[in-house]
Amino acid sequence: MQRICFILQVRPERLAEYKERHRNVWPEMRDALSKTGWHNYSLFLRDDGLLIGYVETPDFDAARRGMEALAVNAQWQKEMQPFFAAPRGRPDENMLPLEEIFHLE
């Protein structure tokens, strides 16, 4: 199982709405994430907009490809894009994994 951590930057003026959107993630989106291999997926948000994501998956590249193929993900990414500072493409395309340098089992 791969443990993946990534960072993104949410626009500070959009934090409240971004949090609200994630309190109400569409059931279809939740189902799609689970079915494509996203497990123990969490997002953490600092008050300056720094977003840290964590996910466990057998294969991160396959999990990303699985989501990219789904219409529900395309719609979610389209709606989320304005929340991010200087987005380069869709937000999910900017989920670049950080190097794991320590893990206590």
N, C-alpha and C. Protein backbone atom coordinates (compact mmCIF):
# COMPACT_ATOMS: atom_id res chain seq x y z
N MET A 1 0.85 -1.18 0.00
CA MET A 1 0.00 0.00 0.00
C MET A 1 0.89 1.24 0.00
N GLN A 2 0.65 2.14 -0.93
CA GLN A 2 1.39 3.40 -0.98
C GLN A 2 0.71 4.41 -0.05
N ARG A 3 1.51 5.17 0.66
CA ARG A 3 1.02 6.31 1.44
C ARG A 3 1.45 7.56 0.68
N ILE A 4 0.49 8.36 0.27
CA ILE A 4 0.76 9.54 -0.55
C ILE A 4 0.36 10.79 0.21
N CYS A 5 1.25 11.76 0.24
CA CYS A 5 0.97 13.07 0.83
C CYS A 5 1.24 14.11 -0.26
N PHE A 6 0.36 15.10 -0.36
CA PHE A 6 0.53 16.15 -1.36
C PHE A 6 0.07 17.48 -0.77
N ILE A 7 0.51 18.57 -1.39
CA ILE A 7 0.08 19.90 -0.96
C ILE A 7 -0.52 20.64 -2.15
N LEU A 8 -1.46 21.50 -1.84
CA LEU A 8 -2.06 22.44 -2.78
C LEU A 8 -2.28 23.74 -2.02
N GLN A 9 -2.63 24.81 -2.73
CA GLN A 9 -2.86 26.09 -2.08
C GLN A 9 -4.27 26.59 -2.41
N VAL A 10 -5.11 26.67 -1.38
CA VAL A 10 -6.47 27.20 -1.52
C VAL A 10 -6.41 28.71 -1.35
N ARG A 11 -7.19 29.42 -2.13
CA ARG A 11 -7.24 30.88 -2.00
C ARG A 11 -7.79 31.23 -0.61
N PRO A 12 -7.07 32.04 0.15
CA PRO A 12 -7.51 32.35 1.52
C PRO A 12 -8.93 32.93 1.59
N GLU A 13 -9.31 33.70 0.60
CA GLU A 13 -10.66 34.30 0.62
C GLU A 13 -11.76 33.28 0.33
N ARG A 14 -11.39 32.07 -0.06
CA ARG A 14 -12.38 31.03 -0.38
C ARG A 14 -12.40 29.89 0.65
N LEU A 15 -11.66 30.03 1.75
CA LEU A 15 -11.53 28.95 2.72
C LEU A 15 -12.86 28.47 3.28
N ALA A 16 -13.71 29.39 3.70
CA ALA A 16 -14.98 28.99 4.32
C ALA A 16 -15.82 28.17 3.35
N GLU A 17 -15.92 28.62 2.12
CA GLU A 17 -16.73 27.89 1.14
C GLU A 17 -16.07 26.55 0.79
N TYR A 18 -14.75 26.52 0.71
CA TYR A 18 -14.05 25.28 0.41
C TYR A 18 -14.33 24.24 1.51
N LYS A 19 -14.26 24.67 2.76
CA LYS A 19 -14.57 23.77 3.87
C LYS A 19 -16.01 23.27 3.78
N GLU A 20 -16.92 24.16 3.48
CA GLU A 20 -18.33 23.78 3.38
C GLU A 20 -18.55 22.76 2.27
N ARG A 21 -17.91 22.96 1.13
CA ARG A 21 -18.03 22.00 0.03
C ARG A 21 -17.58 20.61 0.45
N HIS A 22 -16.56 20.56 1.29
CA HIS A 22 -16.03 19.26 1.71
C HIS A 22 -16.82 18.64 2.86
N ARG A 23 -17.68 19.41 3.49
CA ARG A 23 -18.61 18.83 4.45
C ARG A 23 -19.73 18.09 3.72
N ASN A 24 -19.89 18.42 2.46
CA ASN A 24 -20.99 17.87 1.66
C ASN A 24 -20.50 17.29 0.34
N VAL A 25 -19.44 16.50 0.38
CA VAL A 25 -18.94 15.87 -0.85
C VAL A 25 -20.04 14.96 -1.39
N TRP A 26 -20.27 15.06 -2.69
CA TRP A 26 -21.32 14.29 -3.34
C TRP A 26 -21.15 12.79 -3.07
N PRO A 27 -22.24 12.10 -2.77
CA PRO A 27 -22.14 10.64 -2.57
C PRO A 27 -21.52 9.93 -3.77
N GLU A 28 -21.80 10.40 -4.99
CA GLU A 28 -21.21 9.78 -6.19
C GLU A 28 -19.70 9.97 -6.24
N MET A 29 -19.23 11.09 -5.73
CA MET A 29 -17.80 11.35 -5.70
C MET A 29 -17.13 10.46 -4.65
N ARG A 30 -17.74 10.35 -3.49
CA ARG A 30 -17.21 9.47 -2.45
C ARG A 30 -17.12 8.04 -2.95
N ASP A 31 -18.17 7.59 -3.61
CA ASP A 31 -18.22 6.23 -4.14
C ASP A 31 -17.14 6.02 -5.20
N ALA A 32 -16.97 7.01 -6.08
CA ALA A 32 -15.95 6.91 -7.14
C ALA A 32 -14.55 6.81 -6.53
N LEU A 33 -14.27 7.62 -5.53
CA LEU A 33 -12.96 7.56 -4.88
C LEU A 33 -12.70 6.18 -4.29
N SER A 34 -13.67 5.66 -3.59
CA SER A 34 -13.51 4.33 -2.99
C SER A 34 -13.29 3.25 -4.04
N LYS A 35 -14.10 3.29 -5.09
CA LYS A 35 -14.02 2.26 -6.12
C LYS A 35 -12.73 2.31 -6.93
N THR A 36 -12.10 3.47 -7.00
CA THR A 36 -10.87 3.59 -7.79
C THR A 36 -9.60 3.46 -6.94
N GLY A 37 -9.76 3.09 -5.67
CA GLY A 37 -8.59 2.77 -4.86
C GLY A 37 -8.11 3.84 -3.90
N TRP A 38 -8.91 4.84 -3.63
CA TRP A 38 -8.54 5.88 -2.68
C TRP A 38 -9.03 5.45 -1.29
N HIS A 39 -8.10 5.17 -0.39
CA HIS A 39 -8.45 4.70 0.95
C HIS A 39 -7.81 5.62 1.99
N ASN A 40 -8.50 5.75 3.12
CA ASN A 40 -7.99 6.57 4.21
C ASN A 40 -7.59 7.96 3.70
N TYR A 41 -8.42 8.52 2.84
CA TYR A 41 -8.15 9.81 2.19
C TYR A 41 -8.57 10.93 3.12
N SER A 42 -7.64 11.83 3.40
CA SER A 42 -7.89 12.96 4.30
C SER A 42 -7.33 14.24 3.71
N LEU A 43 -7.98 15.35 4.03
CA LEU A 43 -7.48 16.67 3.67
C LEU A 43 -7.36 17.49 4.95
N PHE A 44 -6.28 18.25 5.04
CA PHE A 44 -6.03 19.12 6.18
C PHE A 44 -5.79 20.52 5.64
N LEU A 45 -6.38 21.53 6.28
CA LEU A 45 -6.31 22.89 5.76
C LEU A 45 -5.83 23.86 6.84
N ARG A 46 -4.78 24.60 6.50
CA ARG A 46 -4.27 25.64 7.40
C ARG A 46 -4.99 26.94 7.09
N ASP A 47 -5.02 27.88 8.04
CA ASP A 47 -5.80 29.10 7.85
C ASP A 47 -5.22 30.05 6.80
N ASP A 48 -4.02 29.79 6.29
CA ASP A 48 -3.48 30.59 5.19
C ASP A 48 -3.76 29.94 3.83
N GLY A 49 -4.48 28.81 3.84
CA GLY A 49 -4.85 28.14 2.60
C GLY A 49 -4.00 26.94 2.22
N LEU A 50 -2.96 26.64 3.00
CA LEU A 50 -2.15 25.47 2.69
C LEU A 50 -3.01 24.23 2.92
N LEU A 51 -3.15 23.43 1.87
CA LEU A 51 -3.93 22.20 1.92
C LEU A 51 -2.98 21.02 1.84
N ILE A 52 -3.09 20.12 2.80
CA ILE A 52 -2.29 18.91 2.81
C ILE A 52 -3.24 17.74 2.65
N GLY A 53 -2.95 16.90 1.66
CA GLY A 53 -3.76 15.72 1.42
C GLY A 53 -2.98 14.47 1.73
N TYR A 54 -3.71 13.45 2.18
CA TYR A 54 -3.10 12.16 2.47
C TYR A 54 -4.04 11.07 1.98
N VAL A 55 -3.47 10.07 1.31
CA VAL A 55 -4.27 8.94 0.83
C VAL A 55 -3.41 7.68 0.85
N GLU A 56 -4.07 6.56 1.09
CA GLU A 56 -3.42 5.27 0.98
C GLU A 56 -4.06 4.55 -0.20
N THR A 57 -3.23 3.95 -1.04
CA THR A 57 -3.73 3.30 -2.25
C THR A 57 -2.73 2.25 -2.73
N PRO A 58 -3.20 1.19 -3.34
CA PRO A 58 -2.27 0.21 -3.89
C PRO A 58 -1.39 0.79 -4.99
N ASP A 59 -1.94 1.73 -5.78
CA ASP A 59 -1.22 2.28 -6.92
C ASP A 59 -1.76 3.69 -7.19
N PHE A 60 -1.01 4.71 -6.80
CA PHE A 60 -1.49 6.09 -6.92
C PHE A 60 -1.77 6.47 -8.37
N ASP A 61 -0.88 6.09 -9.27
CA ASP A 61 -1.10 6.42 -10.68
C ASP A 61 -2.37 5.78 -11.20
N ALA A 62 -2.62 4.53 -10.85
CA ALA A 62 -3.84 3.85 -11.28
C ALA A 62 -5.07 4.48 -10.65
N ALA A 63 -4.97 4.87 -9.39
CA ALA A 63 -6.09 5.52 -8.71
C ALA A 63 -6.43 6.86 -9.38
N ARG A 64 -5.40 7.60 -9.75
CA ARG A 64 -5.62 8.87 -10.44
C ARG A 64 -6.23 8.65 -11.82
N ARG A 65 -5.71 7.67 -12.56
CA ARG A 65 -6.27 7.37 -13.89
C ARG A 65 -7.73 6.94 -13.78
N GLY A 66 -8.03 6.14 -12.76
CA GLY A 66 -9.41 5.71 -12.56
C GLY A 66 -10.35 6.88 -12.36
N MET A 67 -9.93 7.85 -11.57
CA MET A 67 -10.77 9.03 -11.34
C MET A 67 -10.85 9.91 -12.59
N GLU A 68 -9.74 10.05 -13.30
CA GLU A 68 -9.74 10.89 -14.51
C GLU A 68 -10.74 10.41 -15.54
N ALA A 69 -11.06 9.13 -15.54
CA ALA A 69 -11.97 8.56 -16.52
C ALA A 69 -13.45 8.78 -16.18
N LEU A 70 -13.74 9.34 -15.01
CA LEU A 70 -15.12 9.45 -14.55
C LEU A 70 -15.68 10.86 -14.70
N ALA A 71 -16.90 10.93 -15.19
CA ALA A 71 -17.56 12.23 -15.38
C ALA A 71 -17.76 12.96 -14.06
N VAL A 72 -18.05 12.23 -12.99
CA VAL A 72 -18.27 12.89 -11.69
C VAL A 72 -17.00 13.61 -11.24
N ASN A 73 -15.83 13.04 -11.51
CA ASN A 73 -14.59 13.70 -11.16
C ASN A 73 -14.37 14.94 -12.01
N ALA A 74 -14.64 14.85 -13.29
CA ALA A 74 -14.48 16.03 -14.16
C ALA A 74 -15.34 17.19 -13.66
N GLN A 75 -16.57 16.89 -13.27
CA GLN A 75 -17.48 17.94 -12.77
C GLN A 75 -16.96 18.49 -11.43
N TRP A 76 -16.53 17.61 -10.54
CA TRP A 76 -16.01 18.06 -9.23
C TRP A 76 -14.79 18.95 -9.43
N GLN A 77 -13.85 18.52 -10.28
CA GLN A 77 -12.64 19.30 -10.51
C GLN A 77 -12.96 20.66 -11.12
N LYS A 78 -13.92 20.69 -12.02
CA LYS A 78 -14.33 21.96 -12.64
C LYS A 78 -14.86 22.92 -11.58
N GLU A 79 -15.65 22.40 -10.65
CA GLU A 79 -16.22 23.25 -9.60
C GLU A 79 -15.18 23.66 -8.56
N MET A 80 -14.17 22.84 -8.35
CA MET A 80 -13.15 23.12 -7.34
C MET A 80 -12.04 24.04 -7.84
N GLN A 81 -11.80 24.07 -9.14
CA GLN A 81 -10.68 24.83 -9.69
C GLN A 81 -10.62 26.28 -9.21
N PRO A 82 -11.73 27.03 -9.15
CA PRO A 82 -11.63 28.42 -8.71
C PRO A 82 -11.18 28.61 -7.26
N PHE A 83 -11.19 27.57 -6.46
CA PHE A 83 -10.77 27.67 -5.08
C PHE A 83 -9.25 27.70 -4.92
N PHE A 84 -8.52 27.32 -5.95
CA PHE A 84 -7.08 27.16 -5.83
C PHE A 84 -6.31 28.34 -6.40
N ALA A 85 -5.24 28.71 -5.70
CA ALA A 85 -4.38 29.80 -6.15
C ALA A 85 -3.53 29.31 -7.32
N ALA A 86 -3.46 30.10 -8.36
CA ALA A 86 -2.65 29.82 -9.54
C ALA A 86 -2.75 28.37 -10.01
N PRO A 87 -3.97 27.91 -10.28
CA PRO A 87 -4.08 26.51 -10.73
C PRO A 87 -3.44 26.32 -12.10
N ARG A 88 -2.76 25.22 -12.24
CA ARG A 88 -2.21 24.80 -13.52
C ARG A 88 -3.03 23.60 -13.94
N GLY A 89 -4.07 23.81 -14.68
CA GLY A 89 -4.95 22.70 -15.02
C GLY A 89 -5.90 22.40 -13.88
N ARG A 90 -6.43 21.18 -13.88
CA ARG A 90 -7.37 20.77 -12.83
C ARG A 90 -6.63 20.57 -11.51
N PRO A 91 -7.31 20.82 -10.39
CA PRO A 91 -6.66 20.63 -9.09
C PRO A 91 -6.06 19.24 -8.92
N ASP A 92 -6.75 18.21 -9.38
CA ASP A 92 -6.23 16.84 -9.19
C ASP A 92 -4.97 16.58 -10.00
N GLU A 93 -4.74 17.37 -11.03
CA GLU A 93 -3.51 17.23 -11.82
C GLU A 93 -2.30 17.80 -11.08
N ASN A 94 -2.56 18.59 -10.05
CA ASN A 94 -1.49 19.23 -9.28
C ASN A 94 -1.17 18.49 -7.99
N MET A 95 -1.74 17.32 -7.80
CA MET A 95 -1.47 16.50 -6.62
C MET A 95 -0.14 15.79 -6.82
N LEU A 96 0.95 16.47 -6.60
CA LEU A 96 2.26 15.88 -6.78
C LEU A 96 2.74 15.33 -5.45
N PRO A 97 2.98 14.04 -5.38
CA PRO A 97 3.37 13.43 -4.10
C PRO A 97 4.68 13.99 -3.54
N LEU A 98 4.68 14.16 -2.22
CA LEU A 98 5.90 14.52 -1.51
C LEU A 98 6.68 13.24 -1.22
N GLU A 99 7.97 13.37 -1.10
CA GLU A 99 8.80 12.22 -0.78
C GLU A 99 8.60 11.84 0.69
N GLU A 100 8.27 10.58 0.94
CA GLU A 100 8.18 10.09 2.31
C GLU A 100 9.58 9.77 2.79
N ILE A 101 9.99 10.39 3.90
CA ILE A 101 11.34 10.15 4.40
C ILE A 101 11.36 9.40 5.73
N PHE A 102 10.19 9.22 6.39
CA PHE A 102 10.11 8.46 7.62
C PHE A 102 8.68 7.99 7.83
N HIS A 103 8.56 6.77 8.33
CA HIS A 103 7.25 6.22 8.69
C HIS A 103 7.43 5.31 9.89
N LEU A 104 6.75 5.58 10.98
CA LEU A 104 6.80 4.75 12.17
C LEU A 104 5.68 3.74 12.11
N GLU A 105 6.02 2.48 11.99
CA GLU A 105 4.99 1.45 11.94
C GLU A 105 4.72 0.91 13.31
